[in-house]
Amino acid sequence: MNFYLIPKAEATITTLMAKVDEVIINPLIIFLFALAIVYFLYGLVRYLMSPDNEEMKKDSKQHMIWGVFGMFIMVAVFGILNIVLKTLGEDRIKIDNGSYEVGNLK
């Protein structure tokens, strides 16, 4: 039997992690980071629009704090992902037009 006609999948954990990072994690991080920014700005606008209402100001401060907390979490996830990729032997070396190239895998 001739097995040369059947293509073989040659993948390592690094290529798998790079693809999961590129297709799933990075868009999710970007979406959640944008959501945290919108939440922070919502709290900021509510705070600025109600200078007399102390209850709304308190609620708006909580929105801003949670927005900053969400942005911090997304940056931390991004950093942890970089640590995992560097541990596996690859790191993000090129940033072109908003896309990341992991080593020479892309």
Protein backbone atom coordinates (compact mmCIF):
# COMPACT_ATOMS: atom_id res chain seq x y z
CA MET A 1 0.00 0.00 0.00
CA ASN A 2 1.30 3.42 -0.94
CA PHE A 3 0.98 5.80 2.01
CA TYR A 4 2.77 8.65 0.26
CA LEU A 5 -0.52 9.87 -1.20
CA ILE A 6 -2.04 10.43 2.23
CA PRO A 7 -0.96 13.80 3.62
CA LYS A 8 0.49 13.79 7.10
CA ALA A 9 -0.33 16.45 9.64
CA GLU A 10 2.88 17.73 11.11
CA ALA A 11 2.07 19.82 14.14
CA THR A 12 3.78 20.52 17.39
CA ILE A 13 2.43 21.94 20.60
CA THR A 14 3.95 25.27 19.59
CA THR A 15 2.07 25.44 16.30
CA LEU A 16 -1.13 24.34 18.01
CA MET A 17 -0.73 26.98 20.72
CA ALA A 18 0.06 29.61 18.10
CA LYS A 19 -3.09 28.77 16.14
CA VAL A 20 -5.28 28.73 19.26
CA ASP A 21 -3.73 32.06 20.21
CA GLU A 22 -4.31 33.54 16.76
CA VAL A 23 -7.82 32.26 16.11
CA ILE A 24 -9.47 32.13 19.54
CA ILE A 25 -7.61 33.90 22.32
CA ASN A 26 -6.42 37.12 20.65
CA PRO A 27 -9.84 38.06 19.22
CA LEU A 28 -11.44 37.24 22.58
CA ILE A 29 -8.89 39.38 24.45
CA ILE A 30 -9.42 42.28 22.06
CA PHE A 31 -13.21 42.01 22.36
CA LEU A 32 -13.17 41.85 26.16
CA PHE A 33 -10.66 44.70 26.38
CA ALA A 34 -12.91 46.84 24.18
CA LEU A 35 -15.88 45.88 26.34
CA ALA A 36 -13.98 46.95 29.49
CA ILE A 37 -13.11 50.29 27.87
CA VAL A 38 -16.76 50.87 26.94
CA TYR A 39 -17.83 49.98 30.49
CA PHE A 40 -15.27 52.41 31.93
CA LEU A 41 -16.35 55.18 29.56
CA TYR A 42 -20.00 54.52 30.42
CA GLY A 43 -19.19 55.03 34.09
CA LEU A 44 -17.17 58.14 33.30
CA VAL A 45 -19.98 59.73 31.26
CA ARG A 46 -22.53 58.92 33.98
CA TYR A 47 -20.21 60.45 36.58
CA LEU A 48 -19.75 63.64 34.59
CA MET A 49 -23.45 63.95 33.73
CA SER A 50 -24.65 63.78 37.34
CA PRO A 51 -22.67 66.24 39.46
CA ASP A 52 -25.43 66.57 42.09
CA ASN A 53 -26.64 62.99 42.50
CA GLU A 54 -24.34 61.28 45.05
CA GLU A 55 -25.86 57.83 44.58
CA MET A 56 -25.29 57.91 40.82
CA LYS A 57 -21.74 59.19 41.34
CA LYS A 58 -21.03 56.27 43.67
CA ASP A 59 -22.50 53.81 41.16
CA SER A 60 -20.53 55.42 38.33
CA LYS A 61 -17.29 55.10 40.30
CA GLN A 62 -17.97 51.39 40.65
CA HIS A 63 -18.44 51.13 36.87
CA MET A 64 -15.11 52.87 36.31
CA ILE A 65 -13.31 50.67 38.86
CA TRP A 66 -14.67 47.49 37.27
CA GLY A 67 -13.76 48.78 33.82
CA VAL A 68 -10.15 49.37 34.90
CA PHE A 69 -10.14 45.95 36.60
CA GLY A 70 -11.34 44.32 33.36
CA MET A 71 -8.63 46.07 31.35
CA PHE A 72 -6.03 44.91 33.87
CA ILE A 73 -7.25 41.31 33.60
CA MET A 74 -7.04 41.38 29.79
CA VAL A 75 -3.49 42.78 29.87
CA ALA A 76 -2.56 40.10 32.41
CA VAL A 77 -4.01 37.35 30.19
CA PHE A 78 -2.05 38.73 27.25
CA GLY A 79 1.14 38.69 29.37
CA ILE A 80 0.55 35.17 30.64
CA LEU A 81 0.01 33.98 27.08
CA ASN A 82 3.33 35.55 26.08
CA ILE A 83 5.05 33.74 28.94
CA VAL A 84 3.54 30.42 27.85
CA LEU A 85 4.63 30.97 24.24
CA LYS A 86 8.17 31.94 25.29
CA THR A 87 8.33 28.87 27.52
CA LEU A 88 7.40 26.73 24.53
CA GLY A 89 10.18 28.33 22.50
CA GLU A 90 8.32 30.91 20.44
CA ASP A 91 7.66 34.56 21.08
CA ARG A 92 5.92 37.37 19.32
CA ILE A 93 8.56 39.09 17.29
CA LYS A 94 6.74 41.06 14.62
CA ILE A 95 3.74 43.33 14.79
CA ASP A 96 2.47 44.28 11.33
CA ASN A 97 -0.75 46.23 10.81
CA GLY A 98 -2.27 45.07 14.07
CA SER A 99 -1.56 41.37 13.53
CA TYR A 100 0.98 39.35 15.45
CA GLU A 101 3.37 36.91 13.88
CA VAL A 102 4.48 34.17 16.22
CA GLY A 103 8.03 33.23 15.29
CA ASN A 104 8.04 31.98 11.73
CA LEU A 105 4.90 29.89 12.10
CA LYS A 106 2.52 32.13 10.20
